[in-house]
Amino acid sequence: MTRIAVSRRNLLATGACALVGAVSLPGPASSSALGGQNLTNEEVARKWYAAWEKKDWGPVDSLLADNFTFTSAAGDDHISKSTFKARCWETQIDFIGHFDLERITTGAEDAFVKYLCHTKDDKSFRNVEYLRIKNGKLQSIECYFGALSSFPSAVSTGQK
């Protein structure tokens, strides 16, 4: 039998690296009806923001569950998909330029996304959104942002 000498320092470093690696593993993949793909929750989140940039409701709608709800501090309390389309998509789509996704943290059936949104009039704002995801579809989104007067949007500037 061969004996290998390992210092406590190296043993602790190895254990710490293993712990960091285990904690950093992505969440489990979610199955999706989108083209038969199995998408991770991070991929679903990325597709959501990319779909907004395409300015086409079809890809956005395909990511939303039939019973999707949206909640925000702007008076939206678990609004339905159809209300979301009328109140949020139709009022904001011509205002949104693109998103810089700064942080995506995923769990088994959810994701937190912090992004910097660039508007078409060269302004920007940050939001954090909590996405509940099941079977590759967005079940709900909760949007967190500052006071109504502090973020630029078509709603806050009177545009429709």
Protein backbone atom coordinates (compact mmCIF):
# COMPACT_ATOMS: atom_id res chain seq x y z
CA MET A 1 0.00 0.00 0.00
CA THR A 2 1.34 3.41 -0.97
CA ARG A 3 0.97 6.19 1.49
CA ILE A 4 0.43 9.76 0.33
CA ALA A 5 1.18 12.60 2.69
CA VAL A 6 -1.26 15.51 2.52
CA SER A 7 -0.89 18.62 4.62
CA ARG A 8 -3.89 19.97 6.51
CA ARG A 9 -3.61 23.18 4.46
CA ASN A 10 -3.92 21.26 1.18
CA LEU A 11 -6.73 19.11 2.58
CA LEU A 12 -8.68 22.19 3.69
CA ALA A 13 -8.06 23.94 0.35
CA THR A 14 -9.30 20.88 -1.55
CA GLY A 15 -12.40 20.69 0.64
CA ALA A 16 -13.11 24.41 0.16
CA CYS A 17 -12.76 24.06 -3.62
CA ALA A 18 -15.13 21.10 -3.63
CA LEU A 19 -17.67 23.05 -1.57
CA VAL A 20 -17.47 26.07 -3.89
CA GLY A 21 -17.90 23.79 -6.90
CA ALA A 22 -20.94 22.07 -5.39
CA VAL A 23 -22.61 25.37 -4.47
CA SER A 24 -21.94 26.82 -7.94
CA LEU A 25 -23.67 24.04 -9.86
CA PRO A 26 -26.65 25.29 -11.88
CA GLY A 27 -30.18 24.34 -10.89
CA PRO A 28 -31.87 21.36 -12.52
CA ALA A 29 -33.03 21.70 -16.09
CA SER A 30 -36.65 22.35 -16.81
CA SER A 31 -38.36 20.57 -19.65
CA SER A 32 -40.00 22.74 -22.23
CA ALA A 33 -42.54 22.49 -24.96
CA LEU A 34 -40.48 25.00 -26.94
CA GLY A 35 -39.20 22.97 -29.84
CA GLY A 36 -38.79 19.86 -27.69
CA GLN A 37 -35.81 21.41 -25.92
CA ASN A 38 -34.88 20.92 -22.29
CA LEU A 39 -34.10 24.40 -21.05
CA THR A 40 -32.49 25.41 -17.79
CA ASN A 41 -34.22 28.14 -15.82
CA GLU A 42 -31.39 30.49 -16.79
CA GLU A 43 -32.04 29.75 -20.47
CA VAL A 44 -35.78 30.43 -20.02
CA ALA A 45 -34.96 33.77 -18.34
CA ARG A 46 -32.53 34.74 -21.10
CA LYS A 47 -35.09 33.84 -23.77
CA TRP A 48 -37.68 36.01 -21.98
CA TYR A 49 -35.58 39.19 -22.17
CA ALA A 50 -34.36 38.40 -25.72
CA ALA A 51 -37.99 38.01 -26.79
CA TRP A 52 -38.75 41.53 -25.55
CA GLU A 53 -35.90 42.87 -27.68
CA LYS A 54 -37.42 41.22 -30.79
CA LYS A 55 -40.58 43.34 -30.37
CA ASP A 56 -42.78 40.35 -31.36
CA TRP A 57 -45.53 39.12 -29.01
CA GLY A 58 -45.36 35.54 -30.38
CA PRO A 59 -42.05 34.53 -28.72
CA VAL A 60 -43.07 36.34 -25.51
CA ASP A 61 -46.44 34.57 -25.40
CA SER A 62 -44.82 31.17 -26.07
CA LEU A 63 -42.80 31.51 -22.85
CA LEU A 64 -45.85 32.30 -20.69
CA ALA A 65 -48.00 29.64 -19.02
CA ASP A 66 -51.73 29.90 -19.67
CA ASN A 67 -52.28 30.91 -16.02
CA PHE A 68 -49.35 33.39 -15.98
CA THR A 69 -49.55 36.31 -13.54
CA PHE A 70 -47.53 39.51 -13.24
CA THR A 71 -47.07 41.61 -10.11
CA SER A 72 -45.31 44.95 -9.62
CA ALA A 73 -45.29 47.96 -7.34
CA ALA A 74 -47.00 49.97 -10.08
CA GLY A 75 -50.41 48.62 -9.06
CA ASP A 76 -50.20 45.30 -10.88
CA ASP A 77 -51.34 42.60 -8.45
CA HIS A 78 -51.24 39.15 -10.05
CA ILE A 79 -52.64 40.43 -13.33
CA SER A 80 -53.45 37.87 -16.03
CA LYS A 81 -51.55 37.28 -19.25
CA SER A 82 -54.11 39.26 -21.28
CA THR A 83 -53.98 42.20 -18.85
CA PHE A 84 -50.17 42.01 -18.84
CA LYS A 85 -50.17 42.22 -22.64
CA ALA A 86 -52.44 45.28 -22.64
CA ARG A 87 -50.98 47.07 -19.62
CA CYS A 88 -47.28 46.21 -19.84
CA TRP A 89 -46.33 44.88 -23.30
CA GLU A 90 -48.35 47.32 -25.41
CA THR A 91 -47.36 50.39 -23.38
CA GLN A 92 -43.66 49.52 -23.03
CA ILE A 93 -42.58 47.66 -26.17
CA ASP A 94 -41.81 50.78 -28.20
CA PHE A 95 -39.98 52.29 -25.23
CA ILE A 96 -37.60 49.36 -24.49
CA GLY A 97 -34.28 49.28 -26.33
CA HIS A 98 -32.33 46.36 -24.89
CA PHE A 99 -31.40 44.63 -21.65
CA ASP A 100 -28.03 44.02 -20.02
CA LEU A 101 -28.62 40.98 -17.81
CA GLU A 102 -26.31 41.69 -14.89
CA ARG A 103 -27.15 38.75 -12.63
CA ILE A 104 -29.22 35.58 -12.94
CA THR A 105 -29.57 33.31 -9.94
CA THR A 106 -31.66 30.18 -10.36
CA GLY A 107 -33.34 27.61 -8.15
CA ALA A 108 -35.26 24.44 -8.94
CA GLU A 109 -38.36 26.31 -10.14
CA ASP A 110 -37.40 29.96 -10.12
CA ALA A 111 -34.91 32.66 -11.03
CA PHE A 112 -33.96 36.12 -9.82
CA VAL A 113 -32.81 38.45 -12.59
CA LYS A 114 -31.14 41.84 -12.11
CA TYR A 115 -30.96 43.83 -15.30
CA LEU A 116 -30.13 47.22 -16.69
CA CYS A 117 -32.72 48.23 -19.27
CA HIS A 118 -31.74 50.74 -21.93
CA THR A 119 -34.61 52.76 -23.36
CA LYS A 120 -34.90 54.07 -26.89
CA ASP A 121 -34.47 57.63 -25.62
CA ASP A 122 -30.99 56.84 -24.23
CA LYS A 123 -32.03 56.46 -20.59
CA SER A 124 -31.62 53.40 -18.43
CA PHE A 125 -33.06 51.86 -15.29
CA ARG A 126 -32.47 48.77 -13.17
CA ASN A 127 -35.04 46.23 -12.07
CA VAL A 128 -34.94 42.96 -10.21
CA GLU A 129 -37.50 40.36 -11.21
CA TYR A 130 -38.46 37.09 -9.56
CA LEU A 131 -39.54 34.50 -12.13
CA ARG A 132 -41.37 31.29 -11.19
CA ILE A 133 -40.72 28.70 -13.90
CA LYS A 134 -42.28 25.29 -14.40
CA ASN A 135 -41.80 22.98 -17.39
CA GLY A 136 -39.99 25.72 -19.30
CA LYS A 137 -42.85 28.21 -18.94
CA LEU A 138 -43.06 31.38 -16.87
CA GLN A 139 -45.77 30.88 -14.24
CA SER A 140 -45.36 34.33 -12.71
CA ILE A 141 -43.11 37.37 -12.57
CA GLU A 142 -42.76 39.81 -9.68
CA CYS A 143 -41.03 43.03 -10.70
CA TYR A 144 -39.23 45.19 -8.12
CA PHE A 145 -38.19 48.77 -8.90
CA GLY A 146 -38.05 52.24 -7.38
CA ALA A 147 -40.84 54.75 -6.91
CA LEU A 148 -42.96 55.60 -9.94
CA SER A 149 -41.27 58.99 -10.36
CA SER A 150 -37.77 57.50 -10.31
CA PHE A 151 -37.90 55.11 -13.26
CA PRO A 152 -38.45 55.99 -16.89
CA SER A 153 -41.29 54.23 -18.65
CA ALA A 154 -43.98 55.03 -21.13
CA VAL A 155 -46.46 55.02 -18.24
CA SER A 156 -44.50 57.46 -16.03
CA THR A 157 -43.90 59.89 -18.91
CA GLY A 158 -47.49 59.87 -20.14
CA GLN A 159 -46.72 58.03 -23.39
CA LYS A 160 -49.09 55.30 -24.56
